Amino acid sequence: MSRNPSQRTHKQMLTRMAVGLLIMLIGYALIQPYLKTRFGLDLPTLPGLAGEAGQEAGEQAGEEGQEDSEGFTDLVRHPDSDLHGYGSPTSKAESIPPKRTELGKTSQSERGPPSGKNLLYGVLKSLGGESYQSPAGLLYVSRGSLEHRLEHVARHLKDIPDRRGPHGVFDGDMEQVLRWLDETYQRAESGKSGAKILPQGNRTVYEANFDKQVGYVGGSVGKRDGNPAAFKIKLVLEDKNVITAYPL
């Protein structure tokens, strides 16, 4: 049974669109290295574009499985908490946040007026117990039976090359990362170029582009693509409470 003219026309249109898209992708792949070399335009590679989209999906899917098993849904991943030897040098003691049993042992003198050395990581002031506040007002608190949010942020200080999907790794120690998260929040709140706020149910996503590298893409996807540099930070909050943050 022969197809009618409208069916043939529709098939031809789909074929032309597919061919046109393929030509555009090939053209982009060819011109991207030239634009970067000639004009310094840091356009993402095709694998990089795919990786960014995959990272957000991987962050959500991978960590939701972990937190669901503990009775709470989150948006993040599973790396260790010491610093990968890729960014600023720091000791393991500086990189790993205190365990929850230690977070509650802040002395009364340390809870007084912030004075540099009394701040956790030189940034956070204690609000008592296991709660800490950044200069921008971001809160890092305990989540019931789950790990402390500081422990959670520290998971993004080291790569896990064999982890499925992408894994954002910060290129700095905890102090630097905490300052970057404040900056991400402040840039988005003030409407700076390259920053945005995205409502997400009872959470809010803050994203900001930086003019310098803040990390790289790790995990199995990052390893496959040569660990591309990351210039954007994604921060997820519930009110002022930090849920997760990672570089894209």
Protein backbone atom coordinates (compact mmCIF):
# COMPACT_ATOMS: atom_id res chain seq x y z
CA MET A 1 0.00 0.00 0.00
CA SER A 2 1.60 3.28 -1.11
CA ARG A 3 1.91 6.26 1.19
CA ASN A 4 -0.07 9.38 0.45
CA PRO A 5 1.74 12.61 -0.49
CA SER A 6 1.33 14.17 2.97
CA GLN A 7 3.10 11.21 4.64
CA ARG A 8 5.99 11.39 2.17
CA THR A 9 6.27 15.16 2.69
CA HIS A 10 6.35 14.75 6.48
CA LYS A 11 9.07 12.10 6.27
CA GLN A 12 11.11 14.29 3.93
CA MET A 13 10.81 17.24 6.34
CA LEU A 14 12.01 15.12 9.27
CA THR A 15 14.93 13.86 7.23
CA ARG A 16 15.92 17.38 6.21
CA MET A 17 15.70 18.60 9.81
CA ALA A 18 17.89 15.73 11.01
CA VAL A 19 20.46 16.39 8.29
CA GLY A 20 20.39 20.13 9.04
CA LEU A 21 20.95 19.54 12.76
CA LEU A 22 23.82 17.17 12.04
CA ILE A 23 25.46 19.77 9.78
CA MET A 24 25.08 22.42 12.50
CA LEU A 25 26.68 20.17 15.12
CA ILE A 26 29.58 19.33 12.83
CA GLY A 27 30.04 23.01 12.03
CA TYR A 28 30.04 23.94 15.72
CA ALA A 29 32.57 21.20 16.52
CA LEU A 30 34.87 22.52 13.79
CA ILE A 31 34.62 26.23 14.58
CA GLN A 32 34.69 26.01 18.43
CA PRO A 33 38.48 25.35 18.69
CA TYR A 34 39.19 28.16 16.18
CA LEU A 35 37.09 30.72 18.09
CA LYS A 36 38.79 29.75 21.34
CA THR A 37 42.29 30.05 19.86
CA ARG A 38 41.69 33.14 17.72
CA PHE A 39 39.38 35.23 19.92
CA GLY A 40 39.69 33.61 23.35
CA LEU A 41 36.01 32.65 23.44
CA ASP A 42 35.65 29.84 25.95
CA LEU A 43 32.73 28.10 24.25
CA PRO A 44 31.86 24.65 25.61
CA THR A 45 32.74 21.58 23.57
CA LEU A 46 29.97 19.26 22.44
CA PRO A 47 30.89 16.72 25.15
CA GLY A 48 30.93 19.60 27.63
CA LEU A 49 27.42 20.67 26.66
CA ALA A 50 26.20 17.11 27.08
CA GLY A 51 28.11 16.78 30.35
CA GLU A 52 26.49 19.84 31.95
CA ALA A 53 23.04 18.53 31.22
CA GLY A 54 24.05 15.08 32.44
CA GLN A 55 25.61 16.49 35.60
CA GLU A 56 22.37 18.02 36.81
CA ALA A 57 20.50 14.80 36.07
CA GLY A 58 23.23 12.72 37.67
CA GLU A 59 23.38 14.91 40.77
CA GLN A 60 19.66 14.57 41.33
CA ALA A 61 19.22 10.90 40.44
CA GLY A 62 22.31 9.60 42.22
CA GLU A 63 21.80 11.37 45.50
CA GLU A 64 18.05 10.99 45.61
CA GLY A 65 18.63 7.25 45.78
CA GLN A 66 20.99 7.64 48.74
CA GLU A 67 18.81 10.03 50.71
CA ASP A 68 15.59 8.17 49.92
CA SER A 69 17.07 5.11 51.60
CA GLU A 70 17.54 7.23 54.73
CA GLY A 71 14.05 8.71 54.60
CA PHE A 72 14.87 12.05 52.97
CA THR A 73 15.20 13.18 49.35
CA ASP A 74 18.20 15.31 48.36
CA LEU A 75 19.86 16.53 45.16
CA VAL A 76 23.56 15.63 45.54
CA ARG A 77 26.28 12.97 45.13
CA HIS A 78 28.63 10.61 47.04
CA PRO A 79 32.31 11.68 46.95
CA ASP A 80 34.68 11.49 49.93
CA SER A 81 35.30 14.53 52.06
CA ASP A 82 39.03 15.26 51.68
CA LEU A 83 40.47 17.57 49.04
CA HIS A 84 41.50 16.27 45.63
CA GLY A 85 45.04 17.26 44.76
CA TYR A 86 43.88 19.49 41.93
CA GLY A 87 43.34 22.87 43.52
CA SER A 88 44.73 24.86 46.42
CA PRO A 89 46.90 22.70 48.71
CA THR A 90 45.42 22.02 52.12
CA SER A 91 45.68 19.36 54.78
CA LYS A 92 43.12 16.65 55.27
CA ALA A 93 42.28 18.10 58.68
CA GLU A 94 41.36 21.42 57.05
CA SER A 95 39.32 19.78 54.30
CA ILE A 96 37.09 17.46 56.29
CA PRO A 97 34.42 19.18 58.39
CA PRO A 98 34.07 18.08 62.01
CA LYS A 99 31.98 14.99 62.58
CA ARG A 100 28.52 15.59 63.99
CA THR A 101 29.67 14.57 67.46
CA GLU A 102 32.33 17.28 67.25
CA LEU A 103 30.10 19.96 65.72
CA GLY A 104 28.11 20.21 68.94
CA LYS A 105 31.22 20.79 71.08
CA THR A 106 31.74 24.43 70.19
CA SER A 107 32.77 26.24 73.38
CA GLN A 108 30.85 29.22 74.71
CA SER A 109 33.83 31.48 74.01
CA GLU A 110 33.75 30.41 70.34
CA ARG A 111 30.07 31.38 70.18
CA GLY A 112 30.86 34.96 71.13
CA PRO A 113 31.46 37.83 68.68
CA PRO A 114 33.19 36.54 65.52
CA SER A 115 36.90 37.26 65.65
CA GLY A 116 38.75 35.47 62.87
CA LYS A 117 40.28 32.41 64.47
CA ASN A 118 37.07 31.63 66.39
CA LEU A 119 35.21 31.16 63.09
CA LEU A 120 34.89 27.65 61.70
CA TYR A 121 37.07 27.50 58.56
CA GLY A 122 37.72 31.20 59.17
CA VAL A 123 34.23 31.92 57.76
CA LEU A 124 31.35 30.47 59.78
CA LYS A 125 30.14 31.65 63.17
CA SER A 126 28.51 29.19 65.53
CA LEU A 127 24.85 29.68 66.39
CA GLY A 128 25.11 27.00 69.03
CA GLY A 129 24.80 23.25 68.79
CA GLU A 130 25.36 22.10 65.22
CA SER A 131 24.25 25.27 63.46
CA TYR A 132 26.58 27.69 61.64
CA GLN A 133 26.02 30.88 59.66
CA SER A 134 28.07 32.42 56.86
CA PRO A 135 28.72 36.17 56.42
CA ALA A 136 25.97 36.28 53.75
CA GLY A 137 23.49 34.64 56.13
CA LEU A 138 23.56 31.10 54.69
CA LEU A 139 22.87 28.42 57.30
CA TYR A 140 24.64 25.07 57.63
CA VAL A 141 22.70 22.84 60.00
CA SER A 142 22.05 19.24 60.93
CA ARG A 143 19.35 17.36 59.01
CA GLY A 144 18.08 15.00 61.67
CA SER A 145 19.62 11.55 61.21
CA LEU A 146 21.37 12.60 57.98
CA GLU A 147 24.88 13.97 57.65
CA HIS A 148 25.53 17.59 58.55
CA ARG A 149 25.32 19.98 55.60
CA LEU A 150 28.98 20.89 56.08
CA GLU A 151 29.94 17.25 55.67
CA HIS A 152 27.75 17.18 52.61
CA VAL A 153 29.39 20.22 50.96
CA ALA A 154 32.80 18.69 51.71
CA ARG A 155 31.86 15.68 49.56
CA HIS A 156 32.47 17.92 46.55
CA LEU A 157 36.11 18.56 47.41
CA LYS A 158 37.31 15.30 45.88
CA ASP A 159 36.69 13.39 42.69
CA ILE A 160 35.52 9.79 42.38
CA PRO A 161 36.59 8.89 38.83
CA ASP A 162 34.62 5.62 38.72
CA ARG A 163 31.35 7.14 39.93
CA ARG A 164 28.54 6.80 37.42
CA GLY A 165 27.71 10.04 35.62
CA PRO A 166 29.28 13.46 36.24
CA HIS A 167 30.53 14.73 39.59
CA GLY A 168 31.32 18.41 40.22
CA VAL A 169 34.56 18.92 42.17
CA PHE A 170 35.49 22.28 43.72
CA ASP A 171 38.97 23.60 43.01
CA GLY A 172 39.66 24.84 46.53
CA ASP A 173 39.54 24.04 50.25
CA MET A 174 36.51 24.42 52.53
CA GLU A 175 37.18 28.08 53.34
CA GLN A 176 37.39 28.99 49.65
CA VAL A 177 34.27 26.97 48.79
CA LEU A 178 32.21 28.56 51.57
CA ARG A 179 33.20 32.02 50.33
CA TRP A 180 32.26 31.04 46.76
CA LEU A 181 28.83 29.88 47.94
CA ASP A 182 28.24 33.23 49.64
CA GLU A 183 29.31 34.97 46.45
CA THR A 184 26.98 32.81 44.34
CA TYR A 185 24.07 33.68 46.60
CA GLN A 186 24.88 37.41 46.64
CA ARG A 187 25.39 37.64 42.88
CA ALA A 188 22.05 35.99 42.19
CA GLU A 189 20.21 38.07 44.82
CA SER A 190 21.61 41.30 43.38
CA GLY A 191 20.77 40.34 39.80
CA LYS A 192 24.35 40.36 38.58
CA SER A 193 25.01 39.32 34.98
CA GLY A 194 25.56 35.57 34.64
CA ALA A 195 23.60 34.78 37.83
CA LYS A 196 20.02 33.62 38.22
CA ILE A 197 17.47 32.35 40.75
CA LEU A 198 15.29 29.35 39.90
CA PRO A 199 12.37 28.40 42.21
CA GLN A 200 12.11 24.63 42.67
CA GLY A 201 9.18 23.71 44.87
CA ASN A 202 10.08 24.49 48.48
CA ARG A 203 13.69 24.97 47.42
CA THR A 204 15.46 27.68 45.47
CA VAL A 205 18.35 27.15 43.07
CA TYR A 206 20.99 29.88 42.76
CA GLU A 207 23.45 29.77 39.87
CA ALA A 208 26.34 32.09 39.07
CA ASN A 209 29.05 32.14 36.41
CA PHE A 210 32.57 33.05 37.49
CA ASP A 211 35.33 34.58 35.38
CA LYS A 212 37.81 32.07 36.75
CA GLN A 213 37.76 28.32 37.19
CA VAL A 214 36.00 27.15 40.35
CA GLY A 215 36.31 23.42 39.80
CA TYR A 216 36.04 20.69 37.25
CA VAL A 217 33.73 17.87 36.17
CA GLY A 218 34.75 14.55 37.63
CA GLY A 219 33.06 11.18 37.90
CA SER A 220 33.01 8.74 35.00
CA VAL A 221 31.67 11.40 32.61
CA GLY A 222 34.35 13.90 33.59
CA LYS A 223 37.06 11.26 33.29
CA ARG A 224 35.85 10.36 29.81
CA ASP A 225 35.83 14.01 28.71
CA GLY A 226 39.20 14.89 30.19
CA ASN A 227 37.85 16.56 33.37
CA PRO A 228 36.61 19.80 31.74
CA ALA A 229 36.91 22.99 33.76
CA ALA A 230 33.87 24.35 35.60
CA PHE A 231 33.12 28.08 35.77
CA LYS A 232 29.62 27.94 37.30
CA ILE A 233 28.36 27.11 40.78
CA LYS A 234 24.92 25.73 41.58
CA LEU A 235 23.62 26.32 45.11
CA VAL A 236 20.37 24.79 46.41
CA LEU A 237 18.67 26.32 49.46
CA GLU A 238 15.58 25.82 51.59
CA ASP A 239 15.01 29.36 52.85
CA LYS A 240 18.57 30.18 53.98
CA ASN A 241 19.49 26.54 54.72
CA VAL A 242 22.12 25.09 52.39
CA ILE A 243 21.03 21.76 50.90
CA THR A 244 23.80 21.19 48.36
CA ALA A 245 26.24 23.02 46.11
CA TYR A 246 28.59 21.96 43.34
CA PRO A 247 30.42 23.34 40.31
CA LEU A 248 29.09 22.84 36.76
